[in-house]
Amino acid sequence: QGTTVAAQAVFCAGLWSDRLAVACGAPADPRIVPFRGGYLKLAP
């Protein structure tokens, strides 16, 4: 939606945290590798 200029920022971007950190100059290590966790639901 544009640009916001902030004095300070905290990035809590979860699944996309590594990309945004690297885009701000942080090291590439570690990399986010997504793991899918699927559940089964027991019958009543």
PDB file of all heavy atoms in Angstrom:
ATOM      1  N   GLN A   1       0.807  -1.215   0.000  1.00  0.00           N
ATOM      2  CA  GLN A   1       0.000   0.000   0.000  1.00  0.00           C
ATOM      3  C   GLN A   1       0.846   1.273   0.000  1.00  0.00           C
ATOM      4  O   GLN A   1       0.326   2.363   0.244  1.00  0.00           O
ATOM      5  CB  GLN A   1      -0.941   0.002   1.208  1.00  0.00           C
ATOM      6  CG  GLN A   1      -1.925  -1.182   1.202  1.00  0.00           C
ATOM      7  CD  GLN A   1      -3.080  -0.960   2.151  1.00  0.00           C
ATOM      8  OE1 GLN A   1      -3.779   0.052   2.069  1.00  0.00           O
ATOM      9  NE2 GLN A   1      -3.285  -1.896   3.055  1.00  0.00           N
ATOM     10  N   GLY A   2       2.131   1.112  -0.274  1.00  0.00           N
ATOM     11  CA  GLY A   2       2.992   2.292  -0.340  1.00  0.00           C
ATOM     12  C   GLY A   2       4.253   2.119   0.484  1.00  0.00           C
ATOM     13  O   GLY A   2       4.873   1.063   0.487  1.00  0.00           O
ATOM     14  N   THR A   3       4.620   3.156   1.215  1.00  0.00           N
ATOM     15  CA  THR A   3       5.826   3.151   2.039  1.00  0.00           C
ATOM     16  C   THR A   3       5.528   3.781   3.394  1.00  0.00           C
ATOM     17  O   THR A   3       4.855   4.814   3.469  1.00  0.00           O
ATOM     18  CB  THR A   3       6.971   3.934   1.357  1.00  0.00           C
ATOM     19  OG1 THR A   3       7.280   3.326   0.099  1.00  0.00           O
ATOM     20  CG2 THR A   3       8.229   3.941   2.230  1.00  0.00           C
ATOM     21  N   THR A   4       6.016   3.148   4.444  1.00  0.00           N
ATOM     22  CA  THR A   4       5.936   3.699   5.797  1.00  0.00           C
ATOM     23  C   THR A   4       7.350   3.876   6.319  1.00  0.00           C
ATOM     24  O   THR A   4       8.140   2.928   6.309  1.00  0.00           O
ATOM     25  CB  THR A   4       5.146   2.762   6.735  1.00  0.00           C
ATOM     26  OG1 THR A   4       3.799   2.655   6.275  1.00  0.00           O
ATOM     27  CG2 THR A   4       5.159   3.289   8.157  1.00  0.00           C
ATOM     28  N   VAL A   5       7.678   5.073   6.761  1.00  0.00           N
ATOM     29  CA  VAL A   5       8.998   5.353   7.311  1.00  0.00           C
ATOM     30  C   VAL A   5       8.903   5.288   8.833  1.00  0.00           C
ATOM     31  O   VAL A   5       8.124   6.028   9.446  1.00  0.00           O
ATOM     32  CB  VAL A   5       9.515   6.727   6.859  1.00  0.00           C
ATOM     33  CG1 VAL A   5      10.893   7.014   7.472  1.00  0.00           C
ATOM     34  CG2 VAL A   5       9.591   6.784   5.334  1.00  0.00           C
ATOM     35  N   ALA A   6       9.693   4.380   9.440  1.00  0.00           N
ATOM     36  CA  ALA A   6       9.643   4.166  10.882  1.00  0.00           C
ATOM     37  C   ALA A   6      11.016   4.411  11.499  1.00  0.00           C
ATOM     38  O   ALA A   6      12.052   4.182  10.859  1.00  0.00           O
ATOM     39  CB  ALA A   6       9.191   2.746  11.193  1.00  0.00           C
ATOM     40  N   ALA A   7      11.004   4.867  12.740  1.00  0.00           N
ATOM     41  CA  ALA A   7      12.273   5.022  13.442  1.00  0.00           C
ATOM     42  C   ALA A   7      12.889   3.658  13.724  1.00  0.00           C
ATOM     43  O   ALA A   7      14.108   3.475  13.616  1.00  0.00           O
ATOM     44  CB  ALA A   7      12.059   5.793  14.740  1.00  0.00           C
ATOM     45  N   GLN A   8      12.048   2.679  14.070  1.00  0.00           N
ATOM     46  CA  GLN A   8      12.496   1.315  14.350  1.00  0.00           C
ATOM     47  C   GLN A   8      11.411   0.340  13.937  1.00  0.00           C
ATOM     48  O   GLN A   8      10.228   0.693  13.880  1.00  0.00           O
ATOM     49  CB  GLN A   8      12.800   1.134  15.841  1.00  0.00           C
ATOM     50  CG  GLN A   8      14.006   1.894  16.359  1.00  0.00           C
ATOM     51  CD  GLN A   8      14.175   1.666  17.853  1.00  0.00           C
ATOM     52  OE1 GLN A   8      13.271   1.966  18.643  1.00  0.00           O
ATOM     53  NE2 GLN A   8      15.322   1.126  18.238  1.00  0.00           N
ATOM     54  N   ALA A   9      11.824  -0.896  13.682  1.00  0.00           N
ATOM     55  CA  ALA A   9      10.856  -1.921  13.274  1.00  0.00           C
ATOM     56  C   ALA A   9      11.236  -3.271  13.861  1.00  0.00           C
ATOM     57  O   ALA A   9      12.410  -3.558  14.105  1.00  0.00           O
ATOM     58  CB  ALA A   9      10.775  -2.016  11.753  1.00  0.00           C
ATOM     59  N   VAL A  10      10.219  -4.087  14.078  1.00  0.00           N
ATOM     60  CA  VAL A  10      10.400  -5.477  14.489  1.00  0.00           C
ATOM     61  C   VAL A  10       9.699  -6.349  13.458  1.00  0.00           C
ATOM     62  O   VAL A  10       8.517  -6.122  13.149  1.00  0.00           O
ATOM     63  CB  VAL A  10       9.823  -5.754  15.885  1.00  0.00           C
ATOM     64  CG1 VAL A  10       9.984  -7.235  16.229  1.00  0.00           C
ATOM     65  CG2 VAL A  10      10.511  -4.898  16.939  1.00  0.00           C
ATOM     66  N   PHE A  11      10.408  -7.325  12.926  1.00  0.00           N
ATOM     67  CA  PHE A  11       9.866  -8.224  11.917  1.00  0.00           C
ATOM     68  C   PHE A  11       9.534  -9.566  12.564  1.00  0.00           C
ATOM     69  O   PHE A  11      10.417 -10.297  13.013  1.00  0.00           O
ATOM     70  CB  PHE A  11      10.878  -8.430  10.785  1.00  0.00           C
ATOM     71  CG  PHE A  11      11.070  -7.217   9.921  1.00  0.00           C
ATOM     72  CD1 PHE A  11      11.826  -6.138  10.358  1.00  0.00           C
ATOM     73  CD2 PHE A  11      10.492  -7.145   8.658  1.00  0.00           C
ATOM     74  CE1 PHE A  11      12.006  -5.011   9.562  1.00  0.00           C
ATOM     75  CE2 PHE A  11      10.662  -6.029   7.854  1.00  0.00           C
ATOM     76  CZ  PHE A  11      11.417  -4.958   8.311  1.00  0.00           C
ATOM     77  N   CYS A  12       8.231  -9.884  12.617  1.00  0.00           N
ATOM     78  CA  CYS A  12       7.738 -11.166  13.134  1.00  0.00           C
ATOM     79  C   CYS A  12       6.978 -11.839  11.995  1.00  0.00           C
ATOM     80  O   CYS A  12       5.775 -12.073  12.080  1.00  0.00           O
ATOM     81  CB  CYS A  12       6.831 -10.948  14.338  1.00  0.00           C
ATOM     82  SG  CYS A  12       7.611 -10.116  15.732  1.00  0.00           S
ATOM     83  N   ALA A  13       7.698 -12.122  10.913  1.00  0.00           N
ATOM     84  CA  ALA A  13       7.058 -12.502   9.650  1.00  0.00           C
ATOM     85  C   ALA A  13       6.929 -14.002   9.450  1.00  0.00           C
ATOM     86  O   ALA A  13       6.547 -14.442   8.370  1.00  0.00           O
ATOM     87  CB  ALA A  13       7.824 -11.872   8.485  1.00  0.00           C
ATOM     88  N   GLY A  14       7.262 -14.812  10.448  1.00  0.00           N
ATOM     89  CA  GLY A  14       7.000 -16.240  10.385  1.00  0.00           C
ATOM     90  C   GLY A  14       7.582 -16.931   9.176  1.00  0.00           C
ATOM     91  O   GLY A  14       8.795 -16.992   8.985  1.00  0.00           O
ATOM     92  N   LEU A  15       6.712 -17.437   8.324  1.00  0.00           N
ATOM     93  CA  LEU A  15       7.122 -18.218   7.156  1.00  0.00           C
ATOM     94  C   LEU A  15       7.942 -17.415   6.160  1.00  0.00           C
ATOM     95  O   LEU A  15       8.659 -17.986   5.338  1.00  0.00           O
ATOM     96  CB  LEU A  15       5.882 -18.794   6.470  1.00  0.00           C
ATOM     97  CG  LEU A  15       5.212 -19.948   7.221  1.00  0.00           C
ATOM     98  CD1 LEU A  15       3.752 -20.081   6.838  1.00  0.00           C
ATOM     99  CD2 LEU A  15       5.961 -21.253   6.936  1.00  0.00           C
ATOM    100  N   TRP A  16       7.844 -16.093   6.235  1.00  0.00           N
ATOM    101  CA  TRP A  16       8.585 -15.248   5.302  1.00  0.00           C
ATOM    102  C   TRP A  16       9.666 -14.432   6.018  1.00  0.00           C
ATOM    103  O   TRP A  16      10.197 -13.472   5.480  1.00  0.00           O
ATOM    104  CB  TRP A  16       7.606 -14.332   4.558  1.00  0.00           C
ATOM    105  CG  TRP A  16       6.724 -15.128   3.649  1.00  0.00           C
ATOM    106  CD1 TRP A  16       6.962 -15.473   2.344  1.00  0.00           C
ATOM    107  CD2 TRP A  16       5.469 -15.731   3.977  1.00  0.00           C
ATOM    108  NE1 TRP A  16       5.940 -16.245   1.848  1.00  0.00           N
ATOM    109  CE2 TRP A  16       5.000 -16.429   2.834  1.00  0.00           C
ATOM    110  CE3 TRP A  16       4.686 -15.757   5.135  1.00  0.00           C
ATOM    111  CZ2 TRP A  16       3.803 -17.130   2.812  1.00  0.00           C
ATOM    112  CZ3 TRP A  16       3.488 -16.473   5.114  1.00  0.00           C
ATOM    113  CH2 TRP A  16       3.062 -17.141   3.959  1.00  0.00           C
ATOM    114  N   SER A  17      10.022 -14.844   7.227  1.00  0.00           N
ATOM    115  CA  SER A  17      10.961 -14.062   8.041  1.00  0.00           C
ATOM    116  C   SER A  17      12.353 -13.996   7.431  1.00  0.00           C
ATOM    117  O   SER A  17      13.019 -12.956   7.502  1.00  0.00           O
ATOM    118  CB  SER A  17      11.042 -14.646   9.452  1.00  0.00           C
ATOM    119  OG  SER A  17      11.469 -16.000   9.416  1.00  0.00           O
ATOM    120  N   ASP A  18      12.812 -15.074   6.822  1.00  0.00           N
ATOM    121  CA  ASP A  18      14.171 -15.068   6.264  1.00  0.00           C
ATOM    122  C   ASP A  18      14.268 -14.126   5.073  1.00  0.00           C
ATOM    123  O   ASP A  18      15.251 -13.383   4.923  1.00  0.00           O
ATOM    124  CB  ASP A  18      14.619 -16.477   5.898  1.00  0.00           C
ATOM    125  CG  ASP A  18      13.689 -17.181   4.910  1.00  0.00           C
ATOM    126  OD1 ASP A  18      12.495 -16.788   4.812  1.00  0.00           O
ATOM    127  OD2 ASP A  18      14.138 -18.117   4.234  1.00  0.00           O
ATOM    128  N   ARG A  19      13.262 -14.127   4.209  1.00  0.00           N
ATOM    129  CA  ARG A  19      13.304 -13.256   3.028  1.00  0.00           C
ATOM    130  C   ARG A  19      13.363 -11.786   3.427  1.00  0.00           C
ATOM    131  O   ARG A  19      14.150 -11.014   2.870  1.00  0.00           O
ATOM    132  CB  ARG A  19      12.073 -13.506   2.155  1.00  0.00           C
ATOM    133  CG  ARG A  19      12.105 -14.820   1.403  1.00  0.00           C
ATOM    134  CD  ARG A  19      10.876 -14.970   0.549  1.00  0.00           C
ATOM    135  NE  ARG A  19      10.848 -16.281  -0.082  1.00  0.00           N
ATOM    136  CZ  ARG A  19       9.777 -16.805  -0.640  1.00  0.00           C
ATOM    137  NH1 ARG A  19       8.641 -16.112  -0.681  1.00  0.00           N
ATOM    138  NH2 ARG A  19       9.820 -18.010  -1.194  1.00  0.00           N
ATOM    139  N   LEU A  20      12.535 -11.401   4.370  1.00  0.00           N
ATOM    140  CA  LEU A  20      12.521  -9.997   4.770  1.00  0.00           C
ATOM    141  C   LEU A  20      13.800  -9.627   5.511  1.00  0.00           C
ATOM    142  O   LEU A  20      14.321  -8.518   5.347  1.00  0.00           O
ATOM    143  CB  LEU A  20      11.295  -9.708   5.628  1.00  0.00           C
ATOM    144  CG  LEU A  20       9.962  -9.715   4.868  1.00  0.00           C
ATOM    145  CD1 LEU A  20       8.799  -9.494   5.815  1.00  0.00           C
ATOM    146  CD2 LEU A  20       9.958  -8.650   3.782  1.00  0.00           C
ATOM    147  N   ALA A  21      14.328 -10.554   6.310  1.00  0.00           N
ATOM    148  CA  ALA A  21      15.580 -10.273   7.011  1.00  0.00           C
ATOM    149  C   ALA A  21      16.722 -10.068   6.021  1.00  0.00           C
ATOM    150  O   ALA A  21      17.503  -9.114   6.125  1.00  0.00           O
ATOM    151  CB  ALA A  21      15.910 -11.400   7.979  1.00  0.00           C
ATOM    152  N   VAL A  22      16.819 -10.947   5.034  1.00  0.00           N
ATOM    153  CA  VAL A  22      17.888 -10.837   4.028  1.00  0.00           C
ATOM    154  C   VAL A  22      17.710  -9.551   3.219  1.00  0.00           C
ATOM    155  O   VAL A  22      18.685  -8.862   2.891  1.00  0.00           O
ATOM    156  CB  VAL A  22      17.900 -12.076   3.120  1.00  0.00           C
ATOM    157  CG1 VAL A  22      18.837 -11.881   1.931  1.00  0.00           C
ATOM    158  CG2 VAL A  22      18.335 -13.305   3.923  1.00  0.00           C
ATOM    159  N   ALA A  23      16.462  -9.200   2.907  1.00  0.00           N
ATOM    160  CA  ALA A  23      16.200  -7.969   2.155  1.00  0.00           C
ATOM    161  C   ALA A  23      16.616  -6.726   2.934  1.00  0.00           C
ATOM    162  O   ALA A  23      16.841  -5.665   2.347  1.00  0.00           O
ATOM    163  CB  ALA A  23      14.721  -7.882   1.786  1.00  0.00           C
ATOM    164  N   CYS A  24      16.744  -6.858   4.275  1.00  0.00           N
ATOM    165  CA  CYS A  24      17.180  -5.742   5.110  1.00  0.00           C
ATOM    166  C   CYS A  24      18.668  -5.808   5.429  1.00  0.00           C
ATOM    167  O   CYS A  24      19.167  -4.991   6.204  1.00  0.00           O
ATOM    168  CB  CYS A  24      16.387  -5.726   6.407  1.00  0.00           C
ATOM    169  SG  CYS A  24      14.640  -5.340   6.204  1.00  0.00           S
ATOM    170  N   GLY A  25      19.365  -6.813   4.872  1.00  0.00           N
ATOM    171  CA  GLY A  25      20.796  -6.902   5.087  1.00  0.00           C
ATOM    172  C   GLY A  25      21.253  -7.944   6.077  1.00  0.00           C
ATOM    173  O   GLY A  25      22.450  -8.025   6.382  1.00  0.00           O
ATOM    174  N   ALA A  26      20.351  -8.770   6.593  1.00  0.00           N
ATOM    175  CA  ALA A  26      20.741  -9.841   7.515  1.00  0.00           C
ATOM    176  C   ALA A  26      21.374 -10.994   6.740  1.00  0.00           C
ATOM    177  O   ALA A  26      21.187 -11.118   5.526  1.00  0.00           O
ATOM    178  CB  ALA A  26      19.519 -10.331   8.290  1.00  0.00           C
ATOM    179  N   PRO A  27      22.111 -11.871   7.412  1.00  0.00           N
ATOM    180  CA  PRO A  27      22.712 -13.010   6.722  1.00  0.00           C
ATOM    181  C   PRO A  27      21.664 -13.980   6.178  1.00  0.00           C
ATOM    182  O   PRO A  27      20.535 -14.049   6.678  1.00  0.00           O
ATOM    183  CB  PRO A  27      23.571 -13.675   7.809  1.00  0.00           C
ATOM    184  CG  PRO A  27      23.005 -13.205   9.101  1.00  0.00           C
ATOM    185  CD  PRO A  27      22.476 -11.827   8.846  1.00  0.00           C
ATOM    186  N   ALA A  28      22.050 -14.741   5.155  1.00  0.00           N
ATOM    187  CA  ALA A  28      21.135 -15.714   4.551  1.00  0.00           C
ATOM    188  C   ALA A  28      20.864 -16.894   5.463  1.00  0.00           C
ATOM    189  O   ALA A  28      19.847 -17.574   5.327  1.00  0.00           O
ATOM    190  CB  ALA A  28      21.709 -16.207   3.226  1.00  0.00           C
ATOM    191  N   ASP A  29      21.753 -17.160   6.371  1.00  0.00           N
ATOM    192  CA  ASP A  29      21.675 -18.301   7.277  1.00  0.00           C
ATOM    193  C   ASP A  29      21.054 -17.845   8.605  1.00  0.00           C
ATOM    194  O   ASP A  29      21.531 -16.868   9.196  1.00  0.00           O
ATOM    195  CB  ASP A  29      23.093 -18.834   7.499  1.00  0.00           C
ATOM    196  CG  ASP A  29      23.135 -20.233   8.079  1.00  0.00           C
ATOM    197  OD1 ASP A  29      22.081 -20.731   8.500  1.00  0.00           O
ATOM    198  OD2 ASP A  29      24.233 -20.810   8.128  1.00  0.00           O
ATOM    199  N   PRO A  30      19.973 -18.486   9.072  1.00  0.00           N
ATOM    200  CA  PRO A  30      19.349 -19.702   8.554  1.00  0.00           C
ATOM    201  C   PRO A  30      18.233 -19.406   7.556  1.00  0.00           C
ATOM    202  O   PRO A  30      17.726 -18.295   7.492  1.00  0.00           O
ATOM    203  CB  PRO A  30      18.760 -20.344   9.821  1.00  0.00           C
ATOM    204  CG  PRO A  30      18.379 -19.163  10.674  1.00  0.00           C
ATOM    205  CD  PRO A  30      19.440 -18.122  10.408  1.00  0.00           C
ATOM    206  N   ARG A  31      17.863 -20.422   6.801  1.00  0.00           N
ATOM    207  CA  ARG A  31      16.801 -20.352   5.809  1.00  0.00           C
ATOM    208  C   ARG A  31      15.550 -21.011   6.373  1.00  0.00           C
ATOM    209  O   ARG A  31      15.628 -22.030   7.067  1.00  0.00           O
ATOM    210  CB  ARG A  31      17.261 -21.096   4.534  1.00  0.00           C
ATOM    211  CG  ARG A  31      16.203 -21.327   3.455  1.00  0.00           C
ATOM    212  CD  ARG A  31      15.804 -20.062   2.727  1.00  0.00           C
ATOM    213  NE  ARG A  31      16.942 -19.344   2.195  1.00  0.00           N
ATOM    214  CZ  ARG A  31      17.536 -19.623   1.025  1.00  0.00           C
ATOM    215  NH1 ARG A  31      17.119 -20.627   0.282  1.00  0.00           N
ATOM    216  NH2 ARG A  31      18.550 -18.883   0.605  1.00  0.00           N
ATOM    217  N   ILE A  32      14.390 -20.440   6.081  1.00  0.00           N
ATOM    218  CA  ILE A  32      13.136 -21.087   6.450  1.00  0.00           C
ATOM    219  C   ILE A  32      12.824 -22.187   5.441  1.00  0.00           C
ATOM    220  O   ILE A  32      12.752 -21.944   4.236  1.00  0.00           O
ATOM    221  CB  ILE A  32      11.970 -20.081   6.499  1.00  0.00           C
ATOM    222  CG1 ILE A  32      12.155 -19.094   7.657  1.00  0.00           C
ATOM    223  CG2 ILE A  32      10.629 -20.808   6.641  1.00  0.00           C
ATOM    224  CD1 ILE A  32      12.140 -19.718   9.035  1.00  0.00           C
ATOM    225  N   VAL A  33      12.661 -23.403   5.952  1.00  0.00           N
ATOM    226  CA  VAL A  33      12.201 -24.532   5.143  1.00  0.00           C
ATOM    227  C   VAL A  33      10.845 -24.945   5.715  1.00  0.00           C
ATOM    228  O   VAL A  33      10.745 -25.304   6.891  1.00  0.00           O
ATOM    229  CB  VAL A  33      13.203 -25.703   5.190  1.00  0.00           C
ATOM    230  CG1 VAL A  33      12.631 -26.928   4.498  1.00  0.00           C
ATOM    231  CG2 VAL A  33      14.521 -25.295   4.532  1.00  0.00           C
ATOM    232  N   PRO A  34       9.778 -24.849   4.922  1.00  0.00           N
ATOM    233  CA  PRO A  34       8.441 -25.117   5.463  1.00  0.00           C
ATOM    234  C   PRO A  34       8.176 -26.612   5.626  1.00  0.00           C
ATOM    235  O   PRO A  34       8.463 -27.410   4.727  1.00  0.00           O
ATOM    236  CB  PRO A  34       7.515 -24.513   4.401  1.00  0.00           C
ATOM    237  CG  PRO A  34       8.302 -24.589   3.121  1.00  0.00           C
ATOM    238  CD  PRO A  34       9.743 -24.418   3.506  1.00  0.00           C
ATOM    239  N   PHE A  35       7.616 -26.977   6.771  1.00  0.00           N
ATOM    240  CA  PHE A  35       7.198 -28.355   7.022  1.00  0.00           C
ATOM    241  C   PHE A  35       5.692 -28.354   7.270  1.00  0.00           C
ATOM    242  O   PHE A  35       5.197 -27.620   8.144  1.00  0.00           O
ATOM    243  CB  PHE A  35       7.922 -28.941   8.233  1.00  0.00           C
ATOM    244  CG  PHE A  35       9.317 -29.402   7.949  1.00  0.00           C
ATOM    245  CD1 PHE A  35      10.365 -28.502   7.941  1.00  0.00           C
ATOM    246  CD2 PHE A  35       9.577 -30.736   7.660  1.00  0.00           C
ATOM    247  CE1 PHE A  35      11.660 -28.910   7.668  1.00  0.00           C
ATOM    248  CE2 PHE A  35      10.861 -31.156   7.383  1.00  0.00           C
ATOM    249  CZ  PHE A  35      11.916 -30.249   7.381  1.00  0.00           C
ATOM    250  N   ARG A  36       5.002 -29.169   6.499  1.00  0.00           N
ATOM    251  CA  ARG A  36       3.550 -29.248   6.648  1.00  0.00           C
ATOM    252  C   ARG A  36       3.202 -30.253   7.734  1.00  0.00           C
ATOM    253  O   ARG A  36       3.661 -31.399   7.725  1.00  0.00           O
ATOM    254  CB  ARG A  36       2.891 -29.673   5.339  1.00  0.00           C
ATOM    255  CG  ARG A  36       1.364 -29.727   5.401  1.00  0.00           C
ATOM    256  CD  ARG A  36       0.804 -30.210   4.078  1.00  0.00           C
ATOM    257  NE  ARG A  36      -0.653 -30.182   4.046  1.00  0.00           N
ATOM    258  CZ  ARG A  36      -1.440 -31.155   4.487  1.00  0.00           C
ATOM    259  NH1 ARG A  36      -0.893 -32.249   5.010  1.00  0.00           N
ATOM    260  NH2 ARG A  36      -2.755 -31.054   4.414  1.00  0.00           N
ATOM    261  N   GLY A  37       2.389 -29.822   8.673  1.00  0.00           N
ATOM    262  CA  GLY A  37       1.900 -30.706   9.724  1.00  0.00           C
ATOM    263  C   GLY A  37       0.418 -30.954   9.538  1.00  0.00           C
ATOM    264  O   GLY A  37      -0.387 -30.027   9.651  1.00  0.00           O
ATOM    265  N   GLY A  38       0.071 -32.174   9.217  1.00  0.00           N
ATOM    266  CA  GLY A  38      -1.335 -32.522   9.030  1.00  0.00           C
ATOM    267  C   GLY A  38      -1.844 -33.362  10.195  1.00  0.00           C
ATOM    268  O   GLY A  38      -1.124 -34.209  10.738  1.00  0.00           O
ATOM    269  N   TYR A  39      -3.100 -33.116  10.593  1.00  0.00           N
ATOM    270  CA  TYR A  39      -3.732 -33.857  11.684  1.00  0.00           C
ATOM    271  C   TYR A  39      -4.850 -34.746  11.153  1.00  0.00           C
ATOM    272  O   TYR A  39      -5.471 -34.442  10.132  1.00  0.00           O
ATOM    273  CB  TYR A  39      -4.336 -32.904  12.712  1.00  0.00           C
ATOM    274  CG  TYR A  39      -3.340 -32.166  13.577  1.00  0.00           C
ATOM    275  CD1 TYR A  39      -2.830 -30.938  13.165  1.00  0.00           C
ATOM    276  CD2 TYR A  39      -2.937 -32.678  14.798  1.00  0.00           C
ATOM    277  CE1 TYR A  39      -1.931 -30.234  13.963  1.00  0.00           C
ATOM    278  CE2 TYR A  39      -2.039 -31.990  15.604  1.00  0.00           C
ATOM    279  CZ  TYR A  39      -1.538 -30.771  15.177  1.00  0.00           C
ATOM    280  OH  TYR A  39      -0.643 -30.077  15.964  1.00  0.00           O
ATOM    281  N   LEU A  40      -5.134 -35.807  11.889  1.00  0.00           N
ATOM    282  CA  LEU A  40      -6.350 -36.586  11.722  1.00  0.00           C
ATOM    283  C   LEU A  40      -7.255 -36.295  12.920  1.00  0.00           C
ATOM    284  O   LEU A  40      -6.772 -36.003  14.015  1.00  0.00           O
ATOM    285  CB  LEU A  40      -6.045 -38.083  11.672  1.00  0.00           C
ATOM    286  CG  LEU A  40      -5.167 -38.575  10.527  1.00  0.00           C
ATOM    287  CD1 LEU A  40      -4.868 -40.058  10.707  1.00  0.00           C
ATOM    288  CD2 LEU A  40      -5.839 -38.331   9.180  1.00  0.00           C
ATOM    289  N   LYS A  41      -8.547 -36.390  12.699  1.00  0.00           N
ATOM    290  CA  LYS A  41      -9.508 -36.173  13.786  1.00  0.00           C
ATOM    291  C   LYS A  41     -10.197 -37.488  14.105  1.00  0.00           C
ATOM    292  O   LYS A  41     -10.749 -38.150  13.210  1.00  0.00           O
ATOM    293  CB  LYS A  41     -10.529 -35.112  13.373  1.00  0.00           C
ATOM    294  CG  LYS A  41     -11.492 -34.727  14.471  1.00  0.00           C
ATOM    295  CD  LYS A  41     -12.218 -33.421  14.151  1.00  0.00           C
ATOM    296  CE  LYS A  41     -13.046 -33.534  12.886  1.00  0.00           C
ATOM    297  NZ  LYS A  41     -13.820 -32.291  12.636  1.00  0.00           N
ATOM    298  N   LEU A  42     -10.141 -37.896  15.373  1.00  0.00           N
ATOM    299  CA  LEU A  42     -10.789 -39.134  15.778  1.00  0.00           C
ATOM    300  C   LEU A  42     -12.307 -39.014  15.731  1.00  0.00           C
ATOM    301  O   LEU A  42     -12.871 -37.956  16.038  1.00  0.00           O
ATOM    302  CB  LEU A  42     -10.376 -39.509  17.202  1.00  0.00           C
ATOM    303  CG  LEU A  42      -9.036 -40.212  17.406  1.00  0.00           C
ATOM    304  CD1 LEU A  42      -8.765 -40.392  18.892  1.00  0.00           C
ATOM    305  CD2 LEU A  42      -9.015 -41.557  16.707  1.00  0.00           C
ATOM    306  N   ALA A  43     -12.965 -40.100  15.335  1.00  0.00           N
ATOM    307  CA  ALA A  43     -14.421 -40.148  15.399  1.00  0.00           C
ATOM    308  C   ALA A  43     -14.849 -40.006  16.867  1.00  0.00           C
ATOM    309  O   ALA A  43     -14.105 -40.384  17.778  1.00  0.00           O
ATOM    310  CB  ALA A  43     -14.929 -41.461  14.817  1.00  0.00           C
ATOM    311  N   PRO A  44     -16.041 -39.461  17.118  1.00  0.00           N
ATOM    312  CA  PRO A  44     -16.463 -39.188  18.506  1.00  0.00           C
ATOM    313  C   PRO A  44     -16.367 -40.389  19.434  1.00  0.00           C
ATOM    314  O   PRO A  44     -15.985 -40.242  20.604  1.00  0.00           O
ATOM    315  CB  PRO A  44     -17.907 -38.717  18.330  1.00  0.00           C
ATOM    316  CG  PRO A  44     -17.930 -38.090  16.964  1.00  0.00           C
ATOM    317  CD  PRO A  44     -17.004 -38.934  16.131  1.00  0.00           C
TER     318      PRO A  44
END
